[in-house]
Amino acid sequence: MKRYWLITSLGRQMKSLSGVDGAFLHLETNETPMHVASLHAFDLPAGYAGDFHADIKRQMRRRLRLAPVLTRKLAPMPLQFANPVWIEDDEIDLDYHVQHLTLPSPGTQAQLEDGVAHMHSQLLDRSRPLWRMAVIDGLQSGQVAYYFKVHHAVLDGQAGVLLSQALFDVTPKPRAIPRGAGPHAAHPEHPGLAELAAAALKHDVGQYIKLVRHLPDVAKTLVGLLGGTGGTGSTPGQANGRLGQNFSFGPKTPLNVPITGERGFAAVSVPLDTLKRLAVVHEAKLNDIVLVLCSGTLRRYLAQHGGIPRKPLIATMPVSLRQAGNTEYRTQATLTLVNLHTQMADPVKRLRAIRDAAGAMKALAQRAKGVIPTDFPSIGVPWVLQGLAALYGRSGIVEAMPPLANVVISNVPGPQVPLYAAGARMTDYWPLSIVEHGIGLNITVMSYAGTMGFGFTTAHVAVPDPRQLSAALLQELADLTARSRPAARTSRTR
């Protein structure tokens, strides 16, 4: 992957944002913050009598240079005529970046979720590196927690897993940080107009050249997709039929409305082995089980809020375009659509239908991933995207048009070994993400150390009580497990 760097006359390195990362900046409004986050619960070591907030701040100070996202800030272009560039910030204010929050008594899980939802509604300060965290105590369980958010312009889900490698340890004893990971030489001067313009032009010229070179590959891939089977082992007619189920508008639901900036959040963890056993029983993938649980959760929720639509709900799902070994901190993903078949009451039949639909879409995305752009020229783009973002929520388009997708569902593979922060063992890893006008619910799932953490990020106007969703998910899991037991016994007798 080619990188576009400019070394300024001041000795400063500037890194251009990709087109996709820039879009997350320009589409951000007060109603639609564009950061992603995670909530972590920890067991303190036996006999611990320290200050966890102070320990975390001390650890962050030592690890700032282990991940570029922690020290980069934006240098905006004059008049925002193109994407800003990343520069190093040599004055990181950890008193700002590492907050301390004590929950009011009794410190329930619901209070924790509500506090995190409030923090998730607040925009990040663009004059600083685009991350912030809050260390949280006062939990009824005796645990401690922290919430960490970072702008989506900085990273995607897979890059978030890379960031966790810098933040956490795999043993209770924190690892030694090499001396070479210390602060860089300071360059406090802001890049000048000429330097910023040169960075924008250099980036865009490179992208135009890249687009022209890739046009033959794009045409060849499109011809193959239109005429092929999509890699599913079926005939072209069957493959196109399965794909056609995904490419349709979803029904209007209470989830698909213009939103405000107020957020809700609910979290639940389930044993990963339980989901894997269900996948084996039904000859499905783990992601298919996640989708059918989300589908059933939505059925249960909508049954109490306006009724289950006859037309199936459509989910939009991120698909990673990251190549093996790629450790760049930027977004490398695209979106695809999957039919959730919510019109089917039987979870087993629904699972089979989702399995086929999701498999066809994944095969399509994999075949096309080599030509899907994650970067593009940016001159003039900020004006266009900022105007569209401001117009979209107020124009009535959301209410007038049927939704292309009803919900965002994302499944991110996470670390499968226990992680530690300042000696405390992480017990739960719950993701938070982005909701938008017309899509007031985002379900992001993260596997961690034998558990699967489901995070329900909601717009309050779309889902007033997100804990109804987490409760519905557990009910759906129990129902699917009960209906799968006869099949499990049959498979063991063969």
Protein backbone atom coordinates (compact mmCIF):
# COMPACT_ATOMS: atom_id res chain seq x y z
CA MET A 1 0.00 0.00 0.00
CA LYS A 2 1.59 3.25 -1.13
CA ARG A 3 1.90 5.93 1.55
CA TYR A 4 1.95 9.64 0.82
CA TRP A 5 4.33 11.55 3.08
CA LEU A 6 5.75 15.04 2.77
CA ILE A 7 8.85 16.09 4.71
CA THR A 8 8.50 19.82 5.39
CA SER A 9 11.23 22.39 5.61
CA LEU A 10 10.67 22.35 9.37
CA GLY A 11 11.63 18.69 9.59
CA ARG A 12 8.03 17.71 10.28
CA GLN A 13 6.42 14.62 8.75
CA MET A 14 2.90 15.12 7.41
CA LYS A 15 0.74 12.16 6.42
CA SER A 16 -2.24 12.59 4.11
CA LEU A 17 -5.62 11.25 5.13
CA SER A 18 -7.13 8.71 2.79
CA GLY A 19 -10.35 9.66 1.02
CA VAL A 20 -12.38 7.29 3.20
CA ASP A 21 -10.87 8.63 6.43
CA GLY A 22 -11.47 12.20 5.28
CA ALA A 23 -15.12 11.38 4.61
CA PHE A 24 -15.62 10.41 8.25
CA LEU A 25 -14.38 13.87 9.24
CA HIS A 26 -16.50 15.82 6.78
CA LEU A 27 -19.72 13.90 7.43
CA GLU A 28 -19.54 14.57 11.17
CA THR A 29 -22.16 16.85 12.73
CA ASN A 30 -23.38 17.48 16.28
CA GLU A 31 -26.11 14.90 15.65
CA THR A 32 -23.75 12.34 14.12
CA PRO A 33 -20.38 12.07 15.91
CA MET A 34 -18.02 9.87 13.91
CA HIS A 35 -15.98 8.18 16.61
CA VAL A 36 -15.88 4.52 17.62
CA ALA A 37 -15.17 3.29 21.12
CA SER A 38 -14.87 0.38 23.51
CA LEU A 39 -15.88 -0.26 27.10
CA HIS A 40 -13.69 -2.56 29.21
CA ALA A 41 -14.41 -4.06 32.63
CA PHE A 42 -11.49 -5.14 34.85
CA ASP A 43 -10.90 -7.20 37.98
CA LEU A 44 -8.37 -5.46 40.20
CA PRO A 45 -5.51 -7.57 41.59
CA ALA A 46 -6.06 -9.12 45.02
CA GLY A 47 -5.18 -6.64 47.77
CA TYR A 48 -4.93 -3.71 45.35
CA ALA A 49 -4.83 -0.42 47.26
CA GLY A 50 -3.66 1.94 44.53
CA ASP A 51 -5.30 4.59 42.35
CA PHE A 52 -6.35 2.91 39.08
CA HIS A 53 -6.88 6.22 37.30
CA ALA A 54 -3.38 7.41 38.22
CA ASP A 55 -1.89 4.04 37.23
CA ILE A 56 -3.60 4.14 33.83
CA LYS A 57 -2.49 7.72 33.19
CA ARG A 58 1.08 6.77 34.09
CA GLN A 59 0.92 3.76 31.75
CA MET A 60 -0.49 5.86 28.91
CA ARG A 61 2.31 8.39 29.28
CA ARG A 62 4.88 5.63 28.76
CA ARG A 63 3.02 4.15 25.77
CA LEU A 64 2.02 7.20 23.78
CA ARG A 65 4.63 6.55 21.07
CA LEU A 66 3.68 2.89 20.62
CA ALA A 67 0.68 3.81 18.45
CA PRO A 68 0.76 6.79 16.03
CA VAL A 69 -2.96 7.49 16.56
CA LEU A 70 -2.23 8.66 20.11
CA THR A 71 0.09 11.49 19.04
CA ARG A 72 -1.21 12.60 15.63
CA LYS A 73 -3.42 15.63 15.26
CA LEU A 74 -4.99 17.35 12.28
CA ALA A 75 -3.50 20.27 10.37
CA PRO A 76 -6.45 21.67 8.38
CA MET A 77 -6.06 22.99 4.85
CA PRO A 78 -6.74 26.70 4.25
CA LEU A 79 -10.48 27.18 3.67
CA GLN A 80 -10.78 23.35 3.97
CA PHE A 81 -10.26 23.02 0.21
CA ALA A 82 -8.95 19.46 0.68
CA ASN A 83 -8.49 16.85 3.38
CA PRO A 84 -6.32 17.91 6.34
CA VAL A 85 -3.06 16.10 7.03
CA TRP A 86 -1.76 14.35 10.12
CA ILE A 87 1.11 15.94 12.04
CA GLU A 88 2.79 15.02 15.32
CA ASP A 89 1.57 16.70 18.50
CA ASP A 90 4.41 16.91 20.99
CA GLU A 91 2.35 18.36 23.84
CA ILE A 92 -0.16 15.65 24.79
CA ASP A 93 -2.30 16.83 27.72
CA LEU A 94 -3.08 13.60 29.57
CA ASP A 95 -5.19 15.48 32.11
CA TYR A 96 -7.57 16.10 29.21
CA HIS A 97 -7.22 12.78 27.42
CA VAL A 98 -7.50 10.51 30.50
CA GLN A 99 -10.60 11.47 32.51
CA HIS A 100 -11.82 10.08 35.83
CA LEU A 101 -15.47 9.23 36.49
CA THR A 102 -17.04 7.82 39.67
CA LEU A 103 -20.51 6.36 39.26
CA PRO A 104 -23.17 7.45 41.76
CA SER A 105 -24.32 4.81 44.22
CA PRO A 106 -25.16 1.98 43.77
CA GLY A 107 -23.05 1.83 40.56
CA THR A 108 -25.11 -0.61 38.50
CA GLN A 109 -24.40 -1.92 35.01
CA ALA A 110 -27.26 0.27 33.76
CA GLN A 111 -25.61 3.36 35.27
CA LEU A 112 -22.32 2.39 33.65
CA GLU A 113 -24.00 2.02 30.26
CA ASP A 114 -25.83 5.34 30.60
CA GLY A 115 -22.64 7.16 31.59
CA VAL A 116 -20.79 5.73 28.63
CA ALA A 117 -23.66 6.64 26.30
CA HIS A 118 -23.43 10.26 27.47
CA MET A 119 -19.68 10.38 26.80
CA HIS A 120 -20.23 8.74 23.41
CA SER A 121 -22.50 11.62 22.38
CA GLN A 122 -19.73 14.22 22.80
CA LEU A 123 -17.58 15.28 19.86
CA LEU A 124 -13.81 14.99 20.02
CA ASP A 125 -11.72 18.17 20.04
CA ARG A 126 -10.10 18.43 16.59
CA SER A 127 -7.29 20.66 17.85
CA ARG A 128 -5.92 17.65 19.77
CA PRO A 129 -5.18 14.01 18.90
CA LEU A 130 -8.56 12.44 18.19
CA TRP A 131 -8.94 10.13 21.19
CA ARG A 132 -10.10 10.30 24.78
CA MET A 133 -10.67 7.85 27.60
CA ALA A 134 -12.41 7.77 30.97
CA VAL A 135 -11.39 5.56 33.89
CA ILE A 136 -14.56 4.61 35.77
CA ASP A 137 -14.92 3.41 39.37
CA GLY A 138 -17.76 3.17 41.89
CA LEU A 139 -19.16 0.01 40.26
CA GLN A 140 -21.43 -2.12 42.42
CA SER A 141 -19.51 -5.22 41.31
CA GLY A 142 -16.25 -3.95 42.79
CA GLN A 143 -14.70 -3.86 39.33
CA VAL A 144 -13.25 -0.86 37.52
CA ALA A 145 -13.81 0.04 33.89
CA TYR A 146 -12.64 2.35 31.22
CA TYR A 147 -14.16 3.81 28.09
CA PHE A 148 -11.85 4.64 25.19
CA LYS A 149 -12.99 6.49 22.07
CA VAL A 150 -11.13 7.39 18.89
CA HIS A 151 -12.30 9.04 15.69
CA HIS A 152 -13.17 6.72 12.82
CA ALA A 153 -10.96 8.87 10.60
CA VAL A 154 -8.04 7.41 12.55
CA LEU A 155 -8.82 3.69 12.38
CA ASP A 156 -11.31 0.93 11.58
CA GLY A 157 -12.26 -2.14 13.64
CA GLN A 158 -9.19 -4.15 12.72
CA ALA A 159 -6.88 -1.20 13.40
CA GLY A 160 -8.62 -0.92 16.77
CA VAL A 161 -7.44 -4.43 17.56
CA LEU A 162 -3.91 -3.29 16.67
CA LEU A 163 -4.28 -0.33 19.00
CA SER A 164 -5.28 -2.66 21.83
CA GLN A 165 -1.90 -4.36 21.50
CA ALA A 166 -0.27 -1.07 22.47
CA LEU A 167 -2.69 -0.30 25.31
CA PHE A 168 -2.83 -3.70 27.00
CA ASP A 169 -0.52 -6.47 28.19
CA VAL A 170 -0.91 -10.25 28.04
CA THR A 171 0.40 -10.75 31.59
CA PRO A 172 -0.42 -8.99 34.88
CA LYS A 173 3.07 -7.49 34.91
CA PRO A 174 3.25 -4.61 32.40
CA ARG A 175 5.86 -5.15 29.72
CA ALA A 176 8.97 -3.00 29.56
CA ILE A 177 8.76 -0.17 27.03
CA PRO A 178 11.92 0.31 24.91
CA ARG A 179 13.68 3.63 25.31
CA GLY A 180 13.34 4.22 21.58
CA ALA A 181 9.59 4.52 22.11
CA GLY A 182 10.05 7.86 23.91
CA PRO A 183 8.91 11.27 22.67
CA HIS A 184 10.17 12.62 19.34
CA ALA A 185 11.90 15.92 18.93
CA ALA A 186 9.47 18.78 19.22
CA HIS A 187 8.31 20.70 16.13
CA PRO A 188 5.74 23.16 17.47
CA GLU A 189 5.45 25.25 14.30
CA HIS A 190 2.30 24.81 12.25
CA PRO A 191 2.86 23.86 8.58
CA GLY A 192 2.60 26.82 6.23
CA LEU A 193 0.19 27.34 3.34
CA ALA A 194 2.69 26.18 0.72
CA GLU A 195 3.47 23.00 2.62
CA LEU A 196 -0.20 22.13 3.12
CA ALA A 197 -1.04 22.81 -0.52
CA ALA A 198 1.89 20.69 -1.66
CA ALA A 199 0.72 17.83 0.53
CA ALA A 200 -2.79 17.98 -0.95
CA LEU A 201 -1.56 18.15 -4.54
CA LYS A 202 0.94 15.35 -4.04
CA HIS A 203 -1.76 13.12 -2.59
CA ASP A 204 -4.32 13.87 -5.31
CA VAL A 205 -1.90 13.47 -8.23
CA GLY A 206 -0.96 10.06 -6.87
CA GLN A 207 -4.62 9.06 -6.53
CA TYR A 208 -5.52 10.16 -10.07
CA ILE A 209 -2.62 8.11 -11.44
CA LYS A 210 -3.68 5.12 -9.35
CA LEU A 211 -7.32 5.37 -10.50
CA VAL A 212 -6.32 5.48 -14.18
CA ARG A 213 -4.01 2.49 -13.78
CA HIS A 214 -6.73 0.45 -12.07
CA LEU A 215 -9.53 1.13 -14.56
CA PRO A 216 -8.79 -2.03 -16.60
CA ASP A 217 -8.80 -4.14 -13.43
CA VAL A 218 -12.11 -2.60 -12.36
CA ALA A 219 -13.73 -3.37 -15.72
CA LYS A 220 -12.40 -6.92 -15.73
CA THR A 221 -13.66 -7.56 -12.20
CA LEU A 222 -17.12 -6.17 -12.93
CA VAL A 223 -17.47 -8.37 -15.99
CA GLY A 224 -16.47 -11.39 -13.92
CA LEU A 225 -18.93 -10.54 -11.16
CA LEU A 226 -21.84 -10.04 -13.54
CA GLY A 227 -21.15 -13.22 -15.43
CA GLY A 228 -19.83 -15.47 -12.65
CA THR A 229 -21.24 -17.35 -9.72
CA GLY A 230 -19.82 -15.13 -6.98
CA GLY A 231 -17.66 -17.96 -5.74
CA THR A 232 -20.54 -19.79 -4.02
CA GLY A 233 -20.37 -22.97 -6.02
CA SER A 234 -23.85 -22.31 -7.45
CA THR A 235 -24.97 -21.52 -10.95
CA PRO A 236 -24.96 -17.88 -12.11
CA GLY A 237 -28.75 -17.79 -11.81
CA GLN A 238 -28.71 -19.07 -8.24
CA ALA A 239 -25.92 -16.71 -7.21
CA ASN A 240 -27.64 -13.70 -8.76
CA GLY A 241 -30.88 -14.67 -7.01
CA ARG A 242 -29.17 -14.77 -3.63
CA LEU A 243 -27.47 -11.45 -4.29
CA GLY A 244 -30.78 -9.97 -5.40
CA GLN A 245 -32.25 -10.70 -1.97
CA ASN A 246 -29.71 -8.31 -0.47
CA PHE A 247 -30.01 -5.48 -3.00
CA SER A 248 -33.42 -4.10 -2.04
CA PHE A 249 -34.74 -1.35 0.20
CA GLY A 250 -35.66 -2.23 3.76
CA PRO A 251 -39.02 -1.47 5.38
CA LYS A 252 -39.66 1.67 7.39
CA THR A 253 -39.29 0.99 11.12
CA PRO A 254 -38.95 3.10 14.30
CA LEU A 255 -35.17 2.61 13.91
CA ASN A 256 -35.05 4.53 10.64
CA VAL A 257 -35.69 8.17 11.54
CA PRO A 258 -33.75 11.45 11.67
CA ILE A 259 -31.73 11.49 14.89
CA THR A 260 -30.37 13.87 17.50
CA GLY A 261 -26.99 13.69 19.20
CA GLU A 262 -28.30 11.89 22.31
CA ARG A 263 -27.06 8.30 22.55
CA GLY A 264 -27.94 5.10 24.36
CA PHE A 265 -25.86 2.00 24.95
CA ALA A 266 -26.37 -1.53 26.22
CA ALA A 267 -23.86 -4.37 26.46
CA VAL A 268 -24.03 -8.11 26.98
CA SER A 269 -21.45 -10.92 26.83
CA VAL A 270 -22.15 -14.52 25.83
CA PRO A 271 -19.83 -17.55 25.84
CA LEU A 272 -18.03 -17.90 22.52
CA ASP A 273 -18.12 -21.72 22.73
CA THR A 274 -21.92 -21.61 22.78
CA LEU A 275 -21.99 -19.73 19.49
CA LYS A 276 -19.34 -21.98 17.94
CA ARG A 277 -21.35 -25.09 18.84
CA LEU A 278 -24.42 -23.62 17.17
CA ALA A 279 -22.36 -22.90 14.06
CA VAL A 280 -21.16 -26.53 13.92
CA VAL A 281 -24.67 -27.92 14.43
CA HIS A 282 -26.11 -25.85 11.60
CA GLU A 283 -23.08 -26.08 9.27
CA ALA A 284 -22.80 -22.32 9.41
CA LYS A 285 -20.12 -19.76 10.12
CA LEU A 286 -19.80 -17.91 13.40
CA ASN A 287 -20.83 -14.71 11.64
CA ASP A 288 -24.07 -16.39 10.49
CA ILE A 289 -24.92 -17.14 14.12
CA VAL A 290 -24.26 -13.51 15.05
CA LEU A 291 -26.55 -12.36 12.24
CA VAL A 292 -29.41 -14.70 13.14
CA LEU A 293 -29.22 -13.62 16.80
CA CYS A 294 -29.33 -9.96 15.73
CA SER A 295 -32.22 -10.72 13.38
CA GLY A 296 -34.20 -12.41 16.16
CA THR A 297 -33.37 -9.57 18.55
CA LEU A 298 -34.83 -7.08 16.07
CA ARG A 299 -37.96 -9.23 15.64
CA ARG A 300 -38.55 -9.30 19.39
CA TYR A 301 -37.91 -5.57 19.78
CA LEU A 302 -40.11 -4.50 16.85
CA ALA A 303 -42.92 -6.78 18.00
CA GLN A 304 -43.22 -4.41 20.97
CA HIS A 305 -42.59 -1.21 18.98
CA GLY A 306 -44.84 -0.94 15.97
CA GLY A 307 -44.93 -4.56 14.85
CA ILE A 308 -42.68 -6.83 12.75
CA PRO A 309 -42.68 -5.65 9.13
CA ARG A 310 -43.73 -8.14 6.46
CA LYS A 311 -40.74 -7.07 4.41
CA PRO A 312 -37.37 -8.31 5.78
CA LEU A 313 -34.96 -5.91 7.40
CA ILE A 314 -31.66 -5.21 5.63
CA ALA A 315 -28.36 -4.89 7.49
CA THR A 316 -25.31 -3.08 6.25
CA MET A 317 -22.09 -4.84 7.28
CA PRO A 318 -18.48 -3.63 7.08
CA VAL A 319 -16.18 -6.00 5.19
CA SER A 320 -12.45 -5.67 5.89
CA LEU A 321 -10.19 -4.96 2.91
CA ARG A 322 -7.08 -5.19 5.08
CA GLN A 323 -4.39 -7.45 3.67
CA ALA A 324 -2.63 -9.93 5.95
CA GLY A 325 0.18 -8.24 7.83
CA ASN A 326 -1.08 -4.70 7.13
CA THR A 327 -0.73 -2.65 10.33
CA GLU A 328 -1.62 0.83 9.05
CA TYR A 329 -3.82 2.88 11.36
CA ARG A 330 -6.51 3.89 8.89
CA THR A 331 -9.84 2.65 7.59
CA GLN A 332 -9.54 -0.26 5.17
CA ALA A 333 -13.07 -1.56 4.83
CA THR A 334 -16.15 -1.32 2.65
CA LEU A 335 -19.85 -1.87 3.27
CA THR A 336 -22.12 -4.61 2.01
CA LEU A 337 -25.82 -5.42 2.48
CA VAL A 338 -27.33 -8.59 3.96
CA ASN A 339 -30.98 -9.65 4.11
CA LEU A 340 -31.85 -10.54 7.73
CA HIS A 341 -35.02 -12.46 6.79
CA THR A 342 -36.85 -11.04 9.79
CA GLN A 343 -40.16 -12.11 8.25
CA MET A 344 -39.34 -15.70 9.29
CA ALA A 345 -40.37 -16.63 12.84
CA ASP A 346 -38.47 -19.94 13.00
CA PRO A 347 -34.85 -19.14 13.96
CA VAL A 348 -33.46 -22.28 12.29
CA LYS A 349 -35.11 -21.55 8.94
CA ARG A 350 -34.04 -17.93 9.28
CA LEU A 351 -30.46 -19.03 9.94
CA ARG A 352 -30.34 -21.08 6.75
CA ALA A 353 -31.69 -18.19 4.69
CA ILE A 354 -29.23 -15.73 6.26
CA ARG A 355 -26.36 -18.16 5.75
CA ASP A 356 -27.00 -18.29 2.01
CA ALA A 357 -27.54 -14.54 1.64
CA ALA A 358 -24.48 -13.59 3.69
CA GLY A 359 -22.30 -16.14 1.91
CA ALA A 360 -23.18 -14.74 -1.50
CA MET A 361 -22.42 -11.17 -0.41
CA LYS A 362 -19.12 -12.11 1.23
CA ALA A 363 -18.00 -13.95 -1.90
CA LEU A 364 -18.86 -10.88 -3.97
CA ALA A 365 -16.90 -8.57 -1.66
CA GLN A 366 -13.88 -10.86 -1.62
CA ARG A 367 -13.76 -11.00 -5.41
CA ALA A 368 -14.07 -7.23 -5.69
CA LYS A 369 -11.82 -6.21 -2.77
CA GLY A 370 -8.78 -5.73 -4.99
CA VAL A 371 -10.44 -2.88 -6.90
CA ILE A 372 -12.57 -1.24 -4.17
CA PRO A 373 -10.91 2.14 -3.46
CA THR A 374 -10.11 3.17 0.10
CA ASP A 375 -8.50 6.39 -1.08
CA PHE A 376 -9.40 8.97 -3.71
CA PRO A 377 -8.65 12.61 -4.59
CA SER A 378 -9.89 15.07 -1.98
CA ILE A 379 -9.64 18.61 -3.39
CA GLY A 380 -13.12 20.12 -3.09
CA VAL A 381 -14.50 17.06 -1.30
CA PRO A 382 -14.76 18.66 2.19
CA TRP A 383 -17.12 21.38 0.92
CA VAL A 384 -19.36 18.85 -0.80
CA LEU A 385 -19.53 16.33 2.06
CA GLN A 386 -20.02 18.93 4.79
CA GLY A 387 -22.86 20.47 2.81
CA LEU A 388 -24.51 17.10 2.29
CA ALA A 389 -24.13 16.15 5.95
CA ALA A 390 -25.74 19.41 7.09
CA LEU A 391 -28.58 19.03 4.57
CA TYR A 392 -29.36 15.34 5.00
CA GLY A 393 -30.75 15.36 8.53
CA ARG A 394 -32.90 18.48 7.95
CA SER A 395 -34.17 17.90 4.42
CA GLY A 396 -36.83 15.29 5.10
CA ILE A 397 -35.10 12.79 2.83
CA VAL A 398 -34.81 10.26 5.66
CA GLU A 399 -38.56 10.26 6.23
CA ALA A 400 -39.47 10.36 2.54
CA MET A 401 -37.22 7.59 1.23
CA PRO A 402 -37.33 3.90 2.16
CA PRO A 403 -34.14 2.92 3.99
CA LEU A 404 -31.39 1.24 2.01
CA ALA A 405 -30.47 -0.47 5.29
CA ASN A 406 -32.28 -0.68 8.63
CA VAL A 407 -29.35 -1.45 10.93
CA VAL A 408 -25.56 -1.66 10.98
CA ILE A 409 -24.09 -4.97 12.17
CA SER A 410 -20.34 -5.42 12.51
CA ASN A 411 -18.43 -8.48 13.74
CA VAL A 412 -14.79 -7.79 14.67
CA PRO A 413 -12.46 -10.67 15.63
CA GLY A 414 -10.67 -9.66 18.80
CA PRO A 415 -7.85 -11.01 20.98
CA GLN A 416 -8.43 -14.53 22.32
CA VAL A 417 -6.09 -14.31 25.31
CA PRO A 418 -6.78 -12.40 28.56
CA LEU A 419 -5.52 -8.81 28.51
CA TYR A 420 -4.36 -6.62 31.39
CA ALA A 421 -4.14 -2.88 32.07
CA ALA A 422 -1.94 -1.66 34.92
CA GLY A 423 -2.07 -5.20 36.35
CA ALA A 424 -5.89 -5.49 36.27
CA ARG A 425 -7.40 -8.36 34.25
CA MET A 426 -9.93 -7.41 31.59
CA THR A 427 -13.12 -9.47 31.94
CA ASP A 428 -15.29 -7.85 29.25
CA TYR A 429 -14.65 -6.03 25.96
CA TRP A 430 -17.72 -4.25 24.54
CA PRO A 431 -17.60 -2.14 21.37
CA LEU A 432 -19.49 1.09 20.63
CA SER A 433 -19.90 2.55 17.17
CA ILE A 434 -21.71 5.07 14.97
CA VAL A 435 -25.38 5.68 14.24
CA GLU A 436 -26.65 7.93 11.46
CA HIS A 437 -29.74 9.68 10.24
CA GLY A 438 -32.04 6.89 9.09
CA ILE A 439 -30.08 4.15 10.91
CA GLY A 440 -30.56 4.65 14.64
CA LEU A 441 -29.09 1.31 15.75
CA ASN A 442 -25.59 -0.09 15.41
CA ILE A 443 -24.81 -3.60 16.71
CA THR A 444 -21.07 -4.19 16.90
CA VAL A 445 -19.72 -7.50 18.17
CA MET A 446 -16.21 -8.21 19.46
CA SER A 447 -14.82 -11.61 20.44
CA TYR A 448 -12.45 -11.64 23.40
CA ALA A 449 -10.89 -14.42 25.50
CA GLY A 450 -13.71 -16.93 25.16
CA THR A 451 -16.59 -14.44 25.15
CA MET A 452 -18.51 -12.51 22.50
CA GLY A 453 -19.32 -8.95 23.53
CA PHE A 454 -22.40 -7.41 21.91
CA GLY A 455 -22.55 -3.61 21.98
CA PHE A 456 -25.85 -1.89 21.09
CA THR A 457 -25.20 1.77 20.21
CA THR A 458 -28.44 3.67 19.70
CA ALA A 459 -29.83 7.07 18.90
CA HIS A 460 -32.16 7.86 21.79
CA VAL A 461 -34.98 9.02 19.52
CA ALA A 462 -34.89 5.68 17.70
CA VAL A 463 -34.41 3.35 20.70
CA PRO A 464 -35.40 4.97 24.02
CA ASP A 465 -34.35 1.92 26.10
CA PRO A 466 -31.41 0.00 24.56
CA ARG A 467 -31.47 -2.61 27.36
CA GLN A 468 -34.59 -4.03 25.77
CA LEU A 469 -32.29 -5.08 22.92
CA SER A 470 -29.70 -6.79 25.12
CA ALA A 471 -32.48 -8.66 26.96
CA ALA A 472 -34.04 -9.70 23.64
CA LEU A 473 -30.68 -11.03 22.43
CA LEU A 474 -30.38 -13.36 25.43
CA GLN A 475 -33.93 -14.59 24.84
CA GLU A 476 -33.16 -15.25 21.18
CA LEU A 477 -29.98 -17.14 22.08
CA ALA A 478 -31.93 -19.34 24.51
CA ASP A 479 -34.58 -20.03 21.86
CA LEU A 480 -32.06 -20.92 19.14
CA THR A 481 -30.11 -23.15 21.55
CA ALA A 482 -33.29 -24.98 22.58
CA ARG A 483 -34.32 -25.55 18.97
CA SER A 484 -30.83 -26.80 18.09
CA ARG A 485 -30.60 -29.53 20.74
CA PRO A 486 -32.27 -32.32 18.71
CA ALA A 487 -29.90 -31.65 15.82
CA ALA A 488 -26.95 -31.72 18.21
CA ARG A 489 -27.96 -35.12 19.62
CA THR A 490 -28.42 -36.52 16.11
CA SER A 491 -24.98 -35.39 15.02
CA ARG A 492 -23.32 -37.08 18.02
CA THR A 493 -24.89 -40.46 17.23
CA ARG A 494 -23.48 -40.64 13.71
